[in-house]
């Protein structure tokens, strides 16, 4: 990192301001996913919560696999995989 101006640091083309936390790639991707496919995220979250309510404990393997698959496909689309 190099000093660009008083109070900022640069790394490549990105400027960092002291005291400001920069979002990581996953946070940026998840923010984009909420815009692109909110229904897939909501369906997965609903499935997880419903499964926990039914069993009164943790999830079992594959209990929300279809919903997770949709979220995974959304992630791939957002990340360009």
Protein backbone atom coordinates (compact mmCIF):
# COMPACT_ATOMS: atom_id res chain seq x y z
CA UNK A 1 0.00 0.00 0.00
CA UNK A 2 1.13 3.51 -0.66
CA UNK A 3 0.04 6.91 0.56
CA UNK A 4 -2.09 8.67 -2.06
CA UNK A 5 -3.27 11.68 -0.10
CA UNK A 6 -3.51 12.71 3.50
CA UNK A 7 -5.59 10.14 5.36
CA UNK A 8 -5.93 7.56 2.56
CA UNK A 9 -3.95 4.52 1.50
CA UNK A 10 -4.05 2.93 -1.93
CA UNK A 11 -3.60 -0.67 -2.98
CA UNK A 12 -3.96 -1.06 -6.72
CA UNK A 13 -6.92 1.11 -7.71
CA UNK A 14 -8.74 0.82 -4.37
CA UNK A 15 -8.52 3.58 -1.79
CA UNK A 16 -8.73 2.72 1.89
CA UNK A 17 -9.80 5.32 4.39
CA UNK A 18 -8.68 4.87 8.00
CA UNK A 19 -11.52 3.71 10.22
CA UNK A 20 -13.65 2.38 7.35
CA UNK A 21 -14.01 -1.37 7.04
CA UNK A 22 -14.00 -2.61 3.45
CA UNK A 23 -16.43 -5.46 2.64
CA UNK A 24 -14.79 -8.73 1.63
CA UNK A 25 -15.65 -10.60 -1.59
CA UNK A 26 -18.22 -12.86 0.09
CA UNK A 27 -20.04 -9.87 1.59
CA UNK A 28 -20.07 -8.17 -1.79
CA UNK A 29 -21.36 -11.36 -3.45
CA UNK A 30 -24.07 -11.89 -0.84
CA UNK A 31 -25.22 -8.30 -1.23
CA UNK A 32 -25.50 -8.89 -4.97
CA UNK A 33 -27.30 -12.23 -4.41
CA UNK A 34 -29.95 -10.45 -2.34
CA UNK A 35 -30.64 -8.28 -5.39
CA UNK A 36 -30.48 -11.01 -8.04
CA UNK A 37 -32.26 -13.94 -6.37
CA UNK A 38 -33.90 -12.96 -3.08
CA UNK A 39 -36.50 -15.74 -3.41
CA UNK A 40 -33.84 -18.47 -3.39
CA UNK A 41 -32.29 -17.05 -0.22
CA UNK A 42 -35.67 -16.69 1.44
CA UNK A 43 -36.71 -20.24 0.51
CA UNK A 44 -33.49 -21.67 1.95
CA UNK A 45 -33.76 -19.66 5.18
CA UNK A 46 -37.41 -20.67 5.57
CA UNK A 47 -36.55 -24.33 5.02
CA UNK A 48 -33.76 -24.23 7.62
CA UNK A 49 -35.97 -22.54 10.22
CA UNK A 50 -38.89 -24.89 9.53
CA UNK A 51 -36.64 -27.95 9.78
CA UNK A 52 -35.26 -26.77 13.12
CA UNK A 53 -38.79 -26.13 14.41
CA UNK A 54 -39.94 -29.61 13.36
CA UNK A 55 -37.02 -31.46 14.90
CA UNK A 56 -36.34 -29.12 17.86
CA UNK A 57 -32.65 -29.64 17.19
CA UNK A 58 -30.17 -29.25 14.38
CA UNK A 59 -30.67 -29.97 10.70
CA UNK A 60 -30.19 -33.38 9.23
CA UNK A 61 -28.15 -34.01 6.11
CA UNK A 62 -30.00 -33.14 2.88
CA UNK A 63 -33.00 -31.65 4.71
CA UNK A 64 -32.84 -28.47 2.58
CA UNK A 65 -30.68 -29.68 -0.30
CA UNK A 66 -32.98 -28.45 -3.08
CA UNK A 67 -33.17 -24.97 -1.57
CA UNK A 68 -29.42 -24.93 -0.98
CA UNK A 69 -28.82 -25.94 -4.59
CA UNK A 70 -30.78 -22.86 -5.73
CA UNK A 71 -28.70 -20.60 -3.48
CA UNK A 72 -25.49 -22.22 -4.74
CA UNK A 73 -26.53 -21.67 -8.36
CA UNK A 74 -27.30 -18.04 -7.57
CA UNK A 75 -23.85 -17.65 -5.98
CA UNK A 76 -22.24 -19.12 -9.09
CA UNK A 77 -24.20 -16.76 -11.33
CA UNK A 78 -23.26 -13.71 -9.25
CA UNK A 79 -19.59 -14.69 -9.07
CA UNK A 80 -19.44 -15.57 -12.77
CA UNK A 81 -18.62 -19.28 -12.35
